[in-house]
Amino acid sequence: MKKKFRTALVQMKSSLHKEENLAHSLRLIKQAADNNAQLVCFPEFQMAYSPPE
């Protein structure tokens, strides 16, 4: 029998402020968990946004 595995994929716009990014990420993790996600995937620069020059 196959087991189902629920994954949440997050798209978010990060800011220059790591504290804001973390708080937003934690809210999204909670939302994903409330929807039975077992894995939450974030963008690679979620905590380290750097604006284009």
PDB file of N, CA and C in Angstrom:
ATOM      1  N   MET A   1       0.834  -1.177   0.000  1.00  0.00           N
ATOM      2  CA  MET A   1       0.000   0.000   0.000  1.00  0.00           C
ATOM      3  C   MET A   1       0.889   1.254   0.000  1.00  0.00           C
ATOM      4  N   LYS A   2       0.539   2.215  -0.836  1.00  0.00           N
ATOM      5  CA  LYS A   2       1.292   3.463  -0.905  1.00  0.00           C
ATOM      6  C   LYS A   2       0.828   4.417   0.182  1.00  0.00           C
ATOM      7  N   LYS A   3       1.788   5.113   0.773  1.00  0.00           N
ATOM      8  CA  LYS A   3       1.462   6.140   1.755  1.00  0.00           C
ATOM      9  C   LYS A   3       1.437   7.493   1.067  1.00  0.00           C
ATOM     10  N   LYS A   4       0.520   8.337   1.486  1.00  0.00           N
ATOM     11  CA  LYS A   4       0.464   9.692   0.947  1.00  0.00           C
ATOM     12  C   LYS A   4       1.335  10.600   1.794  1.00  0.00           C
ATOM     13  N   PHE A   5       1.938  11.552   1.117  1.00  0.00           N
ATOM     14  CA  PHE A   5       2.844  12.491   1.766  1.00  0.00           C
ATOM     15  C   PHE A   5       2.476  13.880   1.271  1.00  0.00           C
ATOM     16  N   ARG A   6       2.098  14.768   2.168  1.00  0.00           N
ATOM     17  CA  ARG A   6       1.673  16.108   1.766  1.00  0.00           C
ATOM     18  C   ARG A   6       2.822  17.094   1.936  1.00  0.00           C
ATOM     19  N   THR A   7       3.082  17.834   0.868  1.00  0.00           N
ATOM     20  CA  THR A   7       4.150  18.827   0.852  1.00  0.00           C
ATOM     21  C   THR A   7       3.556  20.200   0.581  1.00  0.00           C
ATOM     22  N   ALA A   8       4.083  21.213   1.255  1.00  0.00           N
ATOM     23  CA  ALA A   8       3.679  22.596   1.004  1.00  0.00           C
ATOM     24  C   ALA A   8       4.851  23.311   0.337  1.00  0.00           C
ATOM     25  N   LEU A   9       4.581  23.953  -0.783  1.00  0.00           N
ATOM     26  CA  LEU A   9       5.594  24.738  -1.489  1.00  0.00           C
ATOM     27  C   LEU A   9       5.275  26.206  -1.285  1.00  0.00           C
ATOM     28  N   VAL A  10       6.238  26.945  -0.783  1.00  0.00           N
ATOM     29  CA  VAL A  10       6.007  28.341  -0.419  1.00  0.00           C
ATOM     30  C   VAL A  10       6.663  29.271  -1.431  1.00  0.00           C
ATOM     31  N   GLN A  11       5.893  30.251  -1.872  1.00  0.00           N
ATOM     32  CA  GLN A  11       6.435  31.374  -2.620  1.00  0.00           C
ATOM     33  C   GLN A  11       6.214  32.591  -1.746  1.00  0.00           C
ATOM     34  N   MET A  12       7.267  33.298  -1.467  1.00  0.00           N
ATOM     35  CA  MET A  12       7.125  34.479  -0.620  1.00  0.00           C
ATOM     36  C   MET A  12       8.124  35.535  -1.055  1.00  0.00           C
ATOM     37  N   LYS A  13       7.769  36.772  -0.786  1.00  0.00           N
ATOM     38  CA  LYS A  13       8.672  37.878  -1.067  1.00  0.00           C
ATOM     39  C   LYS A  13       9.384  38.215   0.238  1.00  0.00           C
ATOM     40  N   SER A  14      10.668  37.992   0.265  1.00  0.00           N
ATOM     41  CA  SER A  14      11.449  38.268   1.468  1.00  0.00           C
ATOM     42  C   SER A  14      11.789  39.746   1.542  1.00  0.00           C
ATOM     43  N   SER A  15      11.976  40.209   2.759  1.00  0.00           N
ATOM     44  CA  SER A  15      12.381  41.596   2.970  1.00  0.00           C
ATOM     45  C   SER A  15      13.856  41.620   3.371  1.00  0.00           C
ATOM     46  N   LEU A  16      14.347  42.800   3.625  1.00  0.00           N
ATOM     47  CA  LEU A  16      15.730  42.944   4.085  1.00  0.00           C
ATOM     48  C   LEU A  16      15.872  42.602   5.563  1.00  0.00           C
ATOM     49  N   HIS A  17      14.754  42.417   6.255  1.00  0.00           N
ATOM     50  CA  HIS A  17      14.751  42.211   7.700  1.00  0.00           C
ATOM     51  C   HIS A  17      14.531  40.734   8.024  1.00  0.00           C
ATOM     52  N   LYS A  18      15.565  40.100   8.532  1.00  0.00           N
ATOM     53  CA  LYS A  18      15.493  38.664   8.814  1.00  0.00           C
ATOM     54  C   LYS A  18      14.407  38.331   9.829  1.00  0.00           C
ATOM     55  N   GLU A  19      14.191  39.219  10.804  1.00  0.00           N
ATOM     56  CA  GLU A  19      13.166  38.957  11.820  1.00  0.00           C
ATOM     57  C   GLU A  19      11.779  38.885  11.182  1.00  0.00           C
ATOM     58  N   GLU A  20      11.512  39.784  10.239  1.00  0.00           N
ATOM     59  CA  GLU A  20      10.229  39.765   9.531  1.00  0.00           C
ATOM     60  C   GLU A  20      10.103  38.499   8.685  1.00  0.00           C
ATOM     61  N   ASN A  21      11.178  38.138   8.018  1.00  0.00           N
ATOM     62  CA  ASN A  21      11.161  36.929   7.192  1.00  0.00           C
ATOM     63  C   ASN A  21      10.890  35.697   8.048  1.00  0.00           C
ATOM     64  N   LEU A  22      11.529  35.637   9.208  1.00  0.00           N
ATOM     65  CA  LEU A  22      11.334  34.497  10.094  1.00  0.00           C
ATOM     66  C   LEU A  22       9.895  34.444  10.602  1.00  0.00           C
ATOM     67  N   ALA A  23       9.367  35.574  11.036  1.00  0.00           N
ATOM     68  CA  ALA A  23       7.994  35.611  11.545  1.00  0.00           C
ATOM     69  C   ALA A  23       7.005  35.180  10.461  1.00  0.00           C
ATOM     70  N   HIS A  24       7.212  35.674   9.254  1.00  0.00           N
ATOM     71  CA  HIS A  24       6.327  35.309   8.140  1.00  0.00           C
ATOM     72  C   HIS A  24       6.460  33.817   7.825  1.00  0.00           C
ATOM     73  N   SER A  25       7.678  33.321   7.834  1.00  0.00           N
ATOM     74  CA  SER A  25       7.917  31.900   7.564  1.00  0.00           C
ATOM     75  C   SER A  25       7.240  31.022   8.609  1.00  0.00           C
ATOM     76  N   LEU A  26       7.328  31.413   9.864  1.00  0.00           N
ATOM     77  CA  LEU A  26       6.696  30.629  10.928  1.00  0.00           C
ATOM     78  C   LEU A  26       5.178  30.604  10.775  1.00  0.00           C
ATOM     79  N   ARG A  27       4.594  31.725  10.352  1.00  0.00           N
ATOM     80  CA  ARG A  27       3.143  31.740  10.099  1.00  0.00           C
ATOM     81  C   ARG A  27       2.783  30.783   8.963  1.00  0.00           C
ATOM     82  N   LEU A  28       3.611  30.769   7.924  1.00  0.00           N
ATOM     83  CA  LEU A  28       3.349  29.885   6.790  1.00  0.00           C
ATOM     84  C   LEU A  28       3.539  28.414   7.171  1.00  0.00           C
ATOM     85  N   ILE A  29       4.511  28.133   8.011  1.00  0.00           N
ATOM     86  CA  ILE A  29       4.707  26.760   8.488  1.00  0.00           C
ATOM     87  C   ILE A  29       3.495  26.309   9.291  1.00  0.00           C
ATOM     88  N   LYS A  30       2.992  27.180  10.143  1.00  0.00           N
ATOM     89  CA  LYS A  30       1.796  26.854  10.938  1.00  0.00           C
ATOM     90  C   LYS A  30       0.606  26.588  10.019  1.00  0.00           C
ATOM     91  N   GLN A  31       0.438  27.437   9.011  1.00  0.00           N
ATOM     92  CA  GLN A  31      -0.663  27.256   8.064  1.00  0.00           C
ATOM     93  C   GLN A  31      -0.522  25.922   7.330  1.00  0.00           C
ATOM     94  N   ALA A  32       0.685  25.603   6.905  1.00  0.00           N
ATOM     95  CA  ALA A  32       0.915  24.336   6.209  1.00  0.00           C
ATOM     96  C   ALA A  32       0.634  23.153   7.133  1.00  0.00           C
ATOM     97  N   ALA A  33       1.090  23.244   8.364  1.00  0.00           N
ATOM     98  CA  ALA A  33       0.852  22.161   9.327  1.00  0.00           C
ATOM     99  C   ALA A  33      -0.637  21.994   9.600  1.00  0.00           C
ATOM    100  N   ASP A  34      -1.353  23.101   9.676  1.00  0.00           N
ATOM    101  CA  ASP A  34      -2.802  23.036   9.883  1.00  0.00           C
ATOM    102  C   ASP A  34      -3.507  22.342   8.716  1.00  0.00           C
ATOM    103  N   ASN A  35      -2.844  22.332   7.558  1.00  0.00           N
ATOM    104  CA  ASN A  35      -3.382  21.656   6.370  1.00  0.00           C
ATOM    105  C   ASN A  35      -2.704  20.307   6.137  1.00  0.00           C
ATOM    106  N   ASN A  36      -2.123  19.773   7.209  1.00  0.00           N
ATOM    107  CA  ASN A  36      -1.538  18.422   7.222  1.00  0.00           C
ATOM    108  C   ASN A  36      -0.285  18.260   6.371  1.00  0.00           C
ATOM    109  N   ALA A  37       0.432  19.335   6.117  1.00  0.00           N
ATOM    110  CA  ALA A  37       1.698  19.207   5.385  1.00  0.00           C
ATOM    111  C   ALA A  37       2.740  18.568   6.297  1.00  0.00           C
ATOM    112  N   GLN A  38       3.503  17.669   5.725  1.00  0.00           N
ATOM    113  CA  GLN A  38       4.575  17.007   6.463  1.00  0.00           C
ATOM    114  C   GLN A  38       5.938  17.591   6.114  1.00  0.00           C
ATOM    115  N   LEU A  39       5.987  18.336   5.030  1.00  0.00           N
ATOM    116  CA  LEU A  39       7.220  18.968   4.577  1.00  0.00           C
ATOM    117  C   LEU A  39       6.853  20.325   4.009  1.00  0.00           C
ATOM    118  N   VAL A  40       7.597  21.368   4.405  1.00  0.00           N
ATOM    119  CA  VAL A  40       7.374  22.717   3.891  1.00  0.00           C
ATOM    120  C   VAL A  40       8.657  23.166   3.201  1.00  0.00           C
ATOM    121  N   CYS A  41       8.548  23.543   1.931  1.00  0.00           N
ATOM    122  CA  CYS A  41       9.716  23.946   1.139  1.00  0.00           C
ATOM    123  C   CYS A  41       9.669  25.449   0.878  1.00  0.00           C
ATOM    124  N   PHE A  42      10.765  26.109   1.197  1.00  0.00           N
ATOM    125  CA  PHE A  42      10.878  27.557   1.024  1.00  0.00           C
ATOM    126  C   PHE A  42      11.885  27.881  -0.076  1.00  0.00           C
ATOM    127  N   PRO A  43      11.811  29.105  -0.618  1.00  0.00           N
ATOM    128  CA  PRO A  43      12.808  29.536  -1.607  1.00  0.00           C
ATOM    129  C   PRO A  43      14.206  29.575  -0.978  1.00  0.00           C
ATOM    130  N   GLU A  44      15.206  29.452  -1.815  1.00  0.00           N
ATOM    131  CA  GLU A  44      16.576  29.381  -1.298  1.00  0.00           C
ATOM    132  C   GLU A  44      17.035  30.667  -0.617  1.00  0.00           C
ATOM    133  N   PHE A  45      16.476  31.805  -0.987  1.00  0.00           N
ATOM    134  CA  PHE A  45      16.895  33.072  -0.374  1.00  0.00           C
ATOM    135  C   PHE A  45      15.831  33.633   0.562  1.00  0.00           C
ATOM    136  N   GLN A  46      15.101  32.778   1.180  1.00  0.00           N
ATOM    137  CA  GLN A  46      14.008  33.188   2.057  1.00  0.00           C
ATOM    138  C   GLN A  46      14.481  34.096   3.194  1.00  0.00           C
ATOM    139  N   MET A  47      15.631  33.817   3.775  1.00  0.00           N
ATOM    140  CA  MET A  47      16.107  34.604   4.914  1.00  0.00           C
ATOM    141  C   MET A  47      17.202  35.600   4.540  1.00  0.00           C
ATOM    142  N   ALA A  48      17.662  35.572   3.309  1.00  0.00           N
ATOM    143  CA  ALA A  48      18.814  36.399   2.941  1.00  0.00           C
ATOM    144  C   ALA A  48      18.539  37.198   1.673  1.00  0.00           C
ATOM    145  N   TYR A  49      17.444  37.929   1.673  1.00  0.00           N
ATOM    146  CA  TYR A  49      17.098  38.723   0.498  1.00  0.00           C
ATOM    147  C   TYR A  49      18.151  39.794   0.253  1.00  0.00           C
ATOM    148  N   SER A  50      18.515  39.948  -0.980  1.00  0.00           N
ATOM    149  CA  SER A  50      19.452  40.992  -1.381  1.00  0.00           C
ATOM    150  C   SER A  50      18.878  41.672  -2.614  1.00  0.00           C
ATOM    151  N   PRO A  51      18.562  42.961  -2.507  1.00  0.00           N
ATOM    152  CA  PRO A  51      17.954  43.643  -3.656  1.00  0.00           C
ATOM    153  C   PRO A  51      18.921  43.728  -4.830  1.00  0.00           C
ATOM    154  N   PRO A  52      18.386  43.728  -6.041  1.00  0.00           N
ATOM    155  CA  PRO A  52      19.258  43.861  -7.211  1.00  0.00           C
ATOM    156  C   PRO A  52      19.935  45.226  -7.226  1.00  0.00           C
ATOM    157  N   GLU A  53      21.126  45.238  -7.721  1.00  0.00           N
ATOM    158  CA  GLU A  53      21.875  46.508  -7.762  1.00  0.00           C
ATOM    159  C   GLU A  53      21.625  47.234  -9.058  1.00  0.00           C
TER     160      GLU A  53
END
